[in-house]
Protein backbone atom coordinates (compact mmCIF):
# COMPACT_ATOMS: atom_id res chain seq x y z
CA UNK A 1 -2.45 35.23 63.93
CA UNK A 2 -3.24 35.15 60.03
CA UNK A 3 -4.78 38.49 60.66
CA UNK A 4 -2.03 39.96 62.68
CA UNK A 5 0.11 39.38 59.91
CA UNK A 6 -2.21 40.56 56.91
CA UNK A 7 -1.86 44.24 59.56
CA UNK A 8 1.69 44.08 59.39
CA UNK A 9 1.97 43.57 55.57
CA UNK A 10 -0.39 46.34 55.44
CA UNK A 11 0.71 48.68 57.07
CA UNK A 12 4.74 47.82 55.70
CA UNK A 13 3.03 48.16 52.04
CA UNK A 14 1.27 51.89 53.63
CA UNK A 15 4.70 52.92 54.88
CA UNK A 16 6.63 52.02 51.55
CA UNK A 17 3.83 53.92 49.09
CA UNK A 18 3.93 57.26 51.23
CA UNK A 19 7.86 56.82 51.02
CA UNK A 20 7.60 56.66 47.47
CA UNK A 21 4.74 59.60 46.91
CA UNK A 22 7.27 61.81 48.89
CA UNK A 23 9.80 61.07 46.64
CA UNK A 24 7.75 61.78 43.64
CA UNK A 25 7.20 58.08 42.55
CA UNK A 26 3.93 57.11 41.03
CA UNK A 27 2.61 53.66 42.39
CA UNK A 28 0.25 51.99 40.55
CA UNK A 29 -0.28 47.96 41.86
CA UNK A 30 -1.17 45.43 39.12
CA UNK A 31 -2.13 41.72 40.32
CA UNK A 32 -0.80 39.45 36.79
CA UNK A 33 -2.65 36.57 35.83
CA UNK A 34 -3.04 33.33 37.77
CA UNK A 35 -5.11 30.22 37.30
CA UNK A 36 -5.61 26.64 38.99
CA UNK A 37 -4.61 26.03 42.38
CA UNK A 38 -3.20 29.34 42.95
CA UNK A 39 -6.85 31.02 42.39
CA UNK A 40 -8.37 28.52 44.57
CA UNK A 41 -5.67 28.82 47.45
CA UNK A 42 -6.07 32.98 47.09
CA UNK A 43 -9.82 33.01 47.20
CA UNK A 44 -9.90 30.94 50.48
CA UNK A 45 -6.79 32.48 52.13
CA UNK A 46 -6.87 36.20 50.93
CA UNK A 47 -10.22 37.06 49.96
CA UNK A 48 -9.67 40.20 47.40
CA UNK A 49 -12.42 42.56 49.76
CA UNK A 50 -10.12 41.49 52.79
CA UNK A 51 -6.42 42.00 50.84
CA UNK A 52 -6.72 43.57 47.72
CA UNK A 53 -9.53 46.27 48.08
CA UNK A 54 -8.16 46.74 51.57
CA UNK A 55 -4.59 47.58 50.23
CA UNK A 56 -5.60 50.12 47.14
CA UNK A 57 -8.14 51.77 49.91
CA UNK A 58 -5.41 52.42 52.24
CA UNK A 59 -2.58 53.45 50.10
CA UNK A 60 -4.78 55.52 47.98
CA UNK A 61 -3.41 53.77 45.18
CA UNK A 62 -5.09 52.63 42.01
CA UNK A 63 -4.78 49.32 40.66
CA UNK A 64 -5.33 46.39 37.72
CA UNK A 65 -6.39 43.00 38.61
CA UNK A 66 -6.71 40.41 35.83
CA UNK A 67 -10.41 39.55 37.46
CA UNK A 68 -11.61 42.77 36.30
CA UNK A 69 -10.14 43.17 32.61
CA UNK A 70 -11.47 40.30 29.98
CA UNK A 71 -8.16 41.18 27.93
CA UNK A 72 -6.05 39.99 30.84
CA UNK A 73 -7.91 36.53 31.03
CA UNK A 74 -7.57 33.19 28.99
CA UNK A 75 -3.97 33.02 28.73
CA UNK A 76 -2.08 29.58 29.58
CA UNK A 77 -0.35 29.33 32.81
CA UNK A 78 0.89 26.08 32.98
CA UNK A 79 2.22 26.62 36.09
CA UNK A 80 -0.66 28.39 37.48
CA UNK A 81 1.65 31.60 38.00
CA UNK A 82 4.12 31.69 34.95
CA UNK A 83 3.35 32.49 31.63
CA UNK A 84 5.26 30.89 28.49
CA UNK A 85 6.90 33.93 26.45
CA UNK A 86 4.77 34.37 23.95
CA UNK A 87 1.96 34.76 26.52
CA UNK A 88 3.70 37.33 28.72
CA UNK A 89 4.20 39.15 24.96
CA UNK A 90 0.61 39.02 24.46
CA UNK A 91 0.04 40.11 27.95
CA UNK A 92 2.54 42.80 28.21
CA UNK A 93 0.48 44.74 25.01
CA UNK A 94 -2.94 43.85 26.87
CA UNK A 95 -1.44 45.55 30.41
CA UNK A 96 0.00 48.60 28.66
CA UNK A 97 -3.68 49.06 26.97
CA UNK A 98 -5.55 48.93 30.00
CA UNK A 99 -2.84 51.29 32.07
CA UNK A 100 -3.55 53.28 29.34
CA UNK A 101 -7.27 53.05 29.78
CA UNK A 102 -7.05 53.57 34.32
CA UNK A 103 -4.44 55.28 34.56
CA UNK A 104 -3.59 57.33 31.44
CA UNK A 105 -0.91 59.66 33.39
CA UNK A 106 1.30 56.83 34.26
CA UNK A 107 2.09 55.70 30.46
CA UNK A 108 2.18 59.37 29.93
CA UNK A 109 4.77 59.90 32.53
CA UNK A 110 6.85 56.84 31.31
CA UNK A 111 7.34 57.93 27.63
CA UNK A 112 8.26 61.86 28.46
CA UNK A 113 10.97 59.92 30.29
CA UNK A 114 12.34 57.63 27.49
């Protein structure tokens, strides 16, 4: 049953990305930091190889996953998924730097629109 649900969610994501791309929207997936019980539950129930990696492959979209970038790790996450204000500010700066390296055009497009 879980595989059927995951397949349906993936199909919805693929269709949504295709619509966005058809409208000229640039898509980049981001997996923000989590810790504690959320990490354990995610690894157990939704391992990257079966979810995140498949999502990127099927949509043809790049992604930034916090586990792949040291500067996106080590944040104080009191509720396992929500950052404090100062930590969110620090993460935003770090995430911008990662995105600029992973997908420089994404950052340039945003700057050109301002």
